[in-house]
Amino acid sequence: MMELVRQSRKFDFEEKAIDQKGVNIITKEYPTEPFPQVTITLNSMELGKALRFLTEMIGWKYEVRNGAIYVQKFTDNPAMVFLETGVYELDQKTINKLSLLGGKGKDPLIANDPFAPRPVKKGKMNTGLALKFCFEKHGVVFDHTKGHQFVFDGFQVLIKHEKIYLDAIENIINRVKKFP
């Protein structure tokens, strides 16, 4: 984490004092356990991707809040995981498009991806399940053991998840709204 802070300061080209450059990463200490040691070669990638890769590799999680990045060990206790609730009000046209992507039909967001999950072929699923499947098809994993929640009440979706995935869901919704 110290190396990521150092690199972020090195590549922050704004005119400001060195102690104000880059990002602040705060790690939670566990007195009975040493910090995990990682050897990695950092290539040219976004800081967020590097941080996500490193924390997943050692079984830790991170959250961005109050201008800093907080990193701590992942725990099965949902109260210890950084979860937020997103509320997304959807019009009927957007609900229909998302449901189609989650259930039957060709998915224009992943149409050229040979590894993408195939659409559901038989039967009819409820709208809430189709919406959830749509987000799952686009990389959002709902794991109830981690405290993730998904609720659809007919016109809005309430999702409890990590902030990065809430941002991804909002991006999916905005992209789908642009489709004719």
C-alpha atoms as a PDB file:
ATOM      1  CA  MET A   1       0.000   0.000   0.000  1.00  0.00           C
ATOM      2  CA  MET A   2       2.918   2.296   0.715  1.00  0.00           C
ATOM      3  CA  GLU A   3       4.177   1.735  -2.826  1.00  0.00           C
ATOM      4  CA  LEU A   4       0.767   2.641  -4.262  1.00  0.00           C
ATOM      5  CA  VAL A   5       0.805   5.882  -2.251  1.00  0.00           C
ATOM      6  CA  ARG A   6       4.322   6.617  -3.494  1.00  0.00           C
ATOM      7  CA  GLN A   7       3.365   5.943  -7.125  1.00  0.00           C
ATOM      8  CA  SER A   8       0.200   8.054  -6.839  1.00  0.00           C
ATOM      9  CA  ARG A   9       2.287  10.998  -5.598  1.00  0.00           C
ATOM     10  CA  LYS A  10       4.858  10.479  -8.322  1.00  0.00           C
ATOM     11  CA  PHE A  11       2.211  10.658 -11.069  1.00  0.00           C
ATOM     12  CA  ASP A  12       0.138  13.496  -9.568  1.00  0.00           C
ATOM     13  CA  PHE A  13       1.153  16.436 -11.741  1.00  0.00           C
ATOM     14  CA  GLU A  14      -0.994  19.098 -10.073  1.00  0.00           C
ATOM     15  CA  GLU A  15       0.799  22.059  -8.547  1.00  0.00           C
ATOM     16  CA  LYS A  16       0.601  21.393  -4.810  1.00  0.00           C
ATOM     17  CA  ALA A  17       2.782  20.408  -1.885  1.00  0.00           C
ATOM     18  CA  ILE A  18       4.156  16.843  -1.941  1.00  0.00           C
ATOM     19  CA  ASP A  19       2.192  15.845   1.180  1.00  0.00           C
ATOM     20  CA  GLN A  20      -1.026  16.852  -0.633  1.00  0.00           C
ATOM     21  CA  LYS A  21      -0.284  14.916  -3.817  1.00  0.00           C
ATOM     22  CA  GLY A  22      -1.596  11.471  -4.662  1.00  0.00           C
ATOM     23  CA  VAL A  23      -3.934   9.454  -2.478  1.00  0.00           C
ATOM     24  CA  ASN A  24      -3.993   8.599   1.198  1.00  0.00           C
ATOM     25  CA  ILE A  25      -4.326   4.893   1.937  1.00  0.00           C
ATOM     26  CA  ILE A  26      -5.167   3.993   5.509  1.00  0.00           C
ATOM     27  CA  THR A  27      -4.818   0.355   6.525  1.00  0.00           C
ATOM     28  CA  LYS A  28      -6.379  -1.164   9.600  1.00  0.00           C
ATOM     29  CA  GLU A  29      -3.854  -2.846  11.854  1.00  0.00           C
ATOM     30  CA  TYR A  30      -4.474  -6.248  13.407  1.00  0.00           C
ATOM     31  CA  PRO A  31      -2.175  -6.550  16.454  1.00  0.00           C
ATOM     32  CA  THR A  32      -2.007 -10.353  16.360  1.00  0.00           C
ATOM     33  CA  GLU A  33      -1.288 -10.591  12.628  1.00  0.00           C
ATOM     34  CA  PRO A  34       1.427  -9.053  10.456  1.00  0.00           C
ATOM     35  CA  PHE A  35       0.464  -7.218   7.283  1.00  0.00           C
ATOM     36  CA  PRO A  36       0.439  -9.513   4.241  1.00  0.00           C
ATOM     37  CA  GLN A  37       3.582  -9.268   2.139  1.00  0.00           C
ATOM     38  CA  VAL A  38       3.057  -9.071  -1.612  1.00  0.00           C
ATOM     39  CA  THR A  39       5.607  -9.049  -4.397  1.00  0.00           C
ATOM     40  CA  ILE A  40       4.202  -7.574  -7.571  1.00  0.00           C
ATOM     41  CA  THR A  41       5.398  -5.773 -10.657  1.00  0.00           C
ATOM     42  CA  LEU A  42       3.173  -2.789 -11.306  1.00  0.00           C
ATOM     43  CA  ASN A  43       2.624  -2.141 -14.967  1.00  0.00           C
ATOM     44  CA  SER A  44       0.771   0.807 -16.416  1.00  0.00           C
ATOM     45  CA  MET A  45      -2.737   0.498 -14.991  1.00  0.00           C
ATOM     46  CA  GLU A  46      -5.240   2.637 -13.167  1.00  0.00           C
ATOM     47  CA  LEU A  47      -4.696   2.952  -9.434  1.00  0.00           C
ATOM     48  CA  GLY A  48      -8.197   1.612  -8.750  1.00  0.00           C
ATOM     49  CA  LYS A  49      -7.512  -1.558 -10.735  1.00  0.00           C
ATOM     50  CA  ALA A  50      -4.183  -2.112  -8.993  1.00  0.00           C
ATOM     51  CA  LEU A  51      -5.779  -1.570  -5.587  1.00  0.00           C
ATOM     52  CA  ARG A  52      -8.693  -3.892  -6.395  1.00  0.00           C
ATOM     53  CA  PHE A  53      -6.301  -6.578  -7.660  1.00  0.00           C
ATOM     54  CA  LEU A  54      -4.031  -6.371  -4.618  1.00  0.00           C
ATOM     55  CA  THR A  55      -6.793  -6.346  -2.013  1.00  0.00           C
ATOM     56  CA  GLU A  56      -8.622  -9.269  -3.627  1.00  0.00           C
ATOM     57  CA  MET A  57      -5.367 -11.207  -3.870  1.00  0.00           C
ATOM     58  CA  ILE A  58      -4.768 -10.988  -0.098  1.00  0.00           C
ATOM     59  CA  GLY A  59      -8.428 -11.246   0.928  1.00  0.00           C
ATOM     60  CA  TRP A  60      -8.832  -7.621   2.000  1.00  0.00           C
ATOM     61  CA  LYS A  61     -11.368  -4.943   0.983  1.00  0.00           C
ATOM     62  CA  TYR A  62     -11.123  -1.215   0.402  1.00  0.00           C
ATOM     63  CA  GLU A  63     -13.495   1.745   0.483  1.00  0.00           C
ATOM     64  CA  VAL A  64     -13.072   5.320  -0.675  1.00  0.00           C
ATOM     65  CA  ARG A  65     -14.500   7.877   1.747  1.00  0.00           C
ATOM     66  CA  ASN A  66     -13.666  11.344   3.024  1.00  0.00           C
ATOM     67  CA  GLY A  67     -10.861  11.777   0.521  1.00  0.00           C
ATOM     68  CA  ALA A  68      -8.948   8.666   1.602  1.00  0.00           C
ATOM     69  CA  ILE A  69      -8.853   4.960   0.807  1.00  0.00           C
ATOM     70  CA  TYR A  70      -9.531   2.698   3.791  1.00  0.00           C
ATOM     71  CA  VAL A  71      -8.203  -0.852   3.556  1.00  0.00           C
ATOM     72  CA  GLN A  72      -9.021  -3.654   5.965  1.00  0.00           C
ATOM     73  CA  LYS A  73      -9.107  -7.412   6.134  1.00  0.00           C
ATOM     74  CA  PHE A  74     -12.233  -8.977   4.674  1.00  0.00           C
ATOM     75  CA  THR A  75     -14.449 -10.625   7.240  1.00  0.00           C
ATOM     76  CA  ASP A  76     -17.581 -12.740   7.030  1.00  0.00           C
ATOM     77  CA  ASN A  77     -19.266 -10.283   9.383  1.00  0.00           C
ATOM     78  CA  PRO A  78     -21.361  -8.061   7.073  1.00  0.00           C
ATOM     79  CA  ALA A  79     -21.162  -5.223   9.588  1.00  0.00           C
ATOM     80  CA  MET A  80     -17.397  -5.053   8.954  1.00  0.00           C
ATOM     81  CA  VAL A  81     -17.708  -4.880   5.158  1.00  0.00           C
ATOM     82  CA  PHE A  82     -18.040  -1.460   3.569  1.00  0.00           C
ATOM     83  CA  LEU A  83     -21.569  -1.576   2.151  1.00  0.00           C
ATOM     84  CA  GLU A  84     -23.756   1.249   0.947  1.00  0.00           C
ATOM     85  CA  THR A  85     -27.336   1.332  -0.258  1.00  0.00           C
ATOM     86  CA  GLY A  86     -28.193   2.568  -3.728  1.00  0.00           C
ATOM     87  CA  VAL A  87     -31.735   3.489  -4.753  1.00  0.00           C
ATOM     88  CA  TYR A  88     -32.452   3.566  -8.483  1.00  0.00           C
ATOM     89  CA  GLU A  89     -35.850   4.807  -9.669  1.00  0.00           C
ATOM     90  CA  LEU A  90     -36.620   3.333 -13.065  1.00  0.00           C
ATOM     91  CA  ASP A  91     -39.240   4.213 -15.652  1.00  0.00           C
ATOM     92  CA  GLN A  92     -41.165   1.372 -17.287  1.00  0.00           C
ATOM     93  CA  LYS A  93     -39.161   1.579 -20.527  1.00  0.00           C
ATOM     94  CA  THR A  94     -35.858   1.115 -18.637  1.00  0.00           C
ATOM     95  CA  ILE A  95     -37.335  -1.717 -16.542  1.00  0.00           C
ATOM     96  CA  ASN A  96     -38.399  -3.478 -19.743  1.00  0.00           C
ATOM     97  CA  LYS A  97     -34.957  -3.059 -21.346  1.00  0.00           C
ATOM     98  CA  LEU A  98     -33.091  -4.280 -18.235  1.00  0.00           C
ATOM     99  CA  SER A  99     -35.503  -7.211 -17.834  1.00  0.00           C
ATOM    100  CA  LEU A 100     -34.943  -8.188 -21.429  1.00  0.00           C
ATOM    101  CA  LEU A 101     -31.167  -8.128 -20.909  1.00  0.00           C
ATOM    102  CA  GLY A 102     -31.474 -10.201 -17.747  1.00  0.00           C
ATOM    103  CA  GLY A 103     -33.853 -12.759 -19.200  1.00  0.00           C
ATOM    104  CA  LYS A 104     -34.542 -13.518 -22.815  1.00  0.00           C
ATOM    105  CA  GLY A 105     -33.083 -11.664 -25.741  1.00  0.00           C
ATOM    106  CA  LYS A 106     -29.816 -10.452 -27.193  1.00  0.00           C
ATOM    107  CA  ASP A 107     -27.763  -8.253 -24.895  1.00  0.00           C
ATOM    108  CA  PRO A 108     -26.218  -5.317 -26.777  1.00  0.00           C
ATOM    109  CA  LEU A 109     -23.910  -4.502 -23.837  1.00  0.00           C
ATOM    110  CA  ILE A 110     -22.105  -7.844 -24.201  1.00  0.00           C
ATOM    111  CA  ALA A 111     -23.164  -8.932 -27.706  1.00  0.00           C
ATOM    112  CA  ASN A 112     -19.580  -9.429 -28.906  1.00  0.00           C
ATOM    113  CA  ASP A 113     -18.304 -11.152 -25.763  1.00  0.00           C
ATOM    114  CA  PRO A 114     -17.833 -14.890 -26.477  1.00  0.00           C
ATOM    115  CA  PHE A 115     -17.510 -15.612 -22.733  1.00  0.00           C
ATOM    116  CA  ALA A 116     -20.714 -13.810 -21.731  1.00  0.00           C
ATOM    117  CA  PRO A 117     -23.488 -15.870 -20.145  1.00  0.00           C
ATOM    118  CA  ARG A 118     -26.173 -16.959 -22.567  1.00  0.00           C
ATOM    119  CA  PRO A 119     -29.727 -15.635 -22.224  1.00  0.00           C
ATOM    120  CA  VAL A 120     -32.425 -17.653 -20.507  1.00  0.00           C
ATOM    121  CA  LYS A 121     -34.223 -19.773 -23.118  1.00  0.00           C
ATOM    122  CA  LYS A 122     -37.312 -21.234 -21.468  1.00  0.00           C
ATOM    123  CA  GLY A 123     -40.035 -20.041 -19.184  1.00  0.00           C
ATOM    124  CA  LYS A 124     -40.820 -16.613 -17.859  1.00  0.00           C
ATOM    125  CA  MET A 125     -39.103 -15.126 -14.839  1.00  0.00           C
ATOM    126  CA  ASN A 126     -40.355 -12.333 -12.645  1.00  0.00           C
ATOM    127  CA  THR A 127     -39.164  -8.816 -13.387  1.00  0.00           C
ATOM    128  CA  GLY A 128     -37.114  -8.426 -10.204  1.00  0.00           C
ATOM    129  CA  LEU A 129     -35.181 -11.623 -10.908  1.00  0.00           C
ATOM    130  CA  ALA A 130     -34.605 -10.561 -14.519  1.00  0.00           C
ATOM    131  CA  LEU A 131     -33.220  -7.209 -13.315  1.00  0.00           C
ATOM    132  CA  LYS A 132     -30.903  -8.952 -10.858  1.00  0.00           C
ATOM    133  CA  PHE A 133     -29.718 -11.356 -13.579  1.00  0.00           C
ATOM    134  CA  CYS A 134     -29.020  -8.375 -15.849  1.00  0.00           C
ATOM    135  CA  PHE A 135     -26.657  -6.846 -13.288  1.00  0.00           C
ATOM    136  CA  GLU A 136     -25.046 -10.249 -12.620  1.00  0.00           C
ATOM    137  CA  LYS A 137     -24.459 -10.758 -16.356  1.00  0.00           C
ATOM    138  CA  HIS A 138     -22.514  -7.511 -16.316  1.00  0.00           C
ATOM    139  CA  GLY A 139     -20.203  -8.421 -13.429  1.00  0.00           C
ATOM    140  CA  VAL A 140     -22.102  -7.532 -10.237  1.00  0.00           C
ATOM    141  CA  VAL A 141     -22.076 -10.522  -7.868  1.00  0.00           C
ATOM    142  CA  PHE A 142     -24.714 -10.658  -5.151  1.00  0.00           C
ATOM    143  CA  ASP A 143     -23.420 -12.686  -2.208  1.00  0.00           C
ATOM    144  CA  HIS A 144     -25.847 -12.720   0.713  1.00  0.00           C
ATOM    145  CA  THR A 145     -23.129 -14.002   3.057  1.00  0.00           C
ATOM    146  CA  LYS A 146     -21.353 -10.664   2.530  1.00  0.00           C
ATOM    147  CA  GLY A 147     -24.513  -8.675   3.264  1.00  0.00           C
ATOM    148  CA  HIS A 148     -25.399  -7.867  -0.355  1.00  0.00           C
ATOM    149  CA  GLN A 149     -29.102  -7.247  -0.893  1.00  0.00           C
ATOM    150  CA  PHE A 150     -31.315  -6.726  -3.944  1.00  0.00           C
ATOM    151  CA  VAL A 151     -34.929  -5.528  -3.724  1.00  0.00           C
ATOM    152  CA  PHE A 152     -37.252  -4.490  -6.558  1.00  0.00           C
ATOM    153  CA  ASP A 153     -40.597  -2.966  -5.594  1.00  0.00           C
ATOM    154  CA  GLY A 154     -42.043  -2.457  -9.069  1.00  0.00           C
ATOM    155  CA  PHE A 155     -40.548   0.928  -9.907  1.00  0.00           C
ATOM    156  CA  GLN A 156     -37.303   1.236  -7.981  1.00  0.00           C
ATOM    157  CA  VAL A 157     -34.380  -1.012  -7.196  1.00  0.00           C
ATOM    158  CA  LEU A 158     -32.740  -0.921  -3.777  1.00  0.00           C
ATOM    159  CA  ILE A 159     -29.303  -2.507  -3.655  1.00  0.00           C
ATOM    160  CA  LYS A 160     -26.923  -2.892  -0.732  1.00  0.00           C
ATOM    161  CA  HIS A 161     -23.408  -3.492  -2.044  1.00  0.00           C
ATOM    162  CA  GLU A 162     -19.887  -2.092  -2.145  1.00  0.00           C
ATOM    163  CA  LYS A 163     -19.665   1.437  -3.601  1.00  0.00           C
ATOM    164  CA  ILE A 164     -17.696   0.353  -6.650  1.00  0.00           C
ATOM    165  CA  TYR A 165     -20.479  -2.042  -7.661  1.00  0.00           C
ATOM    166  CA  LEU A 166     -23.190   0.551  -7.029  1.00  0.00           C
ATOM    167  CA  ASP A 167     -21.306   2.806  -9.446  1.00  0.00           C
ATOM    168  CA  ALA A 168     -21.193  -0.052 -11.971  1.00  0.00           C
ATOM    169  CA  ILE A 169     -24.960  -0.592 -11.618  1.00  0.00           C
ATOM    170  CA  GLU A 170     -25.616   3.088 -12.189  1.00  0.00           C
ATOM    171  CA  ASN A 171     -23.406   2.935 -15.273  1.00  0.00           C
ATOM    172  CA  ILE A 172     -25.332  -0.084 -16.612  1.00  0.00           C
ATOM    173  CA  ILE A 173     -28.663   1.695 -16.072  1.00  0.00           C
ATOM    174  CA  ASN A 174     -27.425   4.857 -17.799  1.00  0.00           C
ATOM    175  CA  ARG A 175     -26.070   2.888 -20.756  1.00  0.00           C
ATOM    176  CA  VAL A 176     -29.320   0.956 -21.153  1.00  0.00           C
ATOM    177  CA  LYS A 177     -31.366   4.162 -21.066  1.00  0.00           C
ATOM    178  CA  LYS A 178     -29.469   5.356 -24.162  1.00  0.00           C
ATOM    179  CA  PHE A 179     -30.621   2.360 -26.227  1.00  0.00           C
ATOM    180  CA  PRO A 180     -33.604   3.007 -28.531  1.00  0.00           C
END
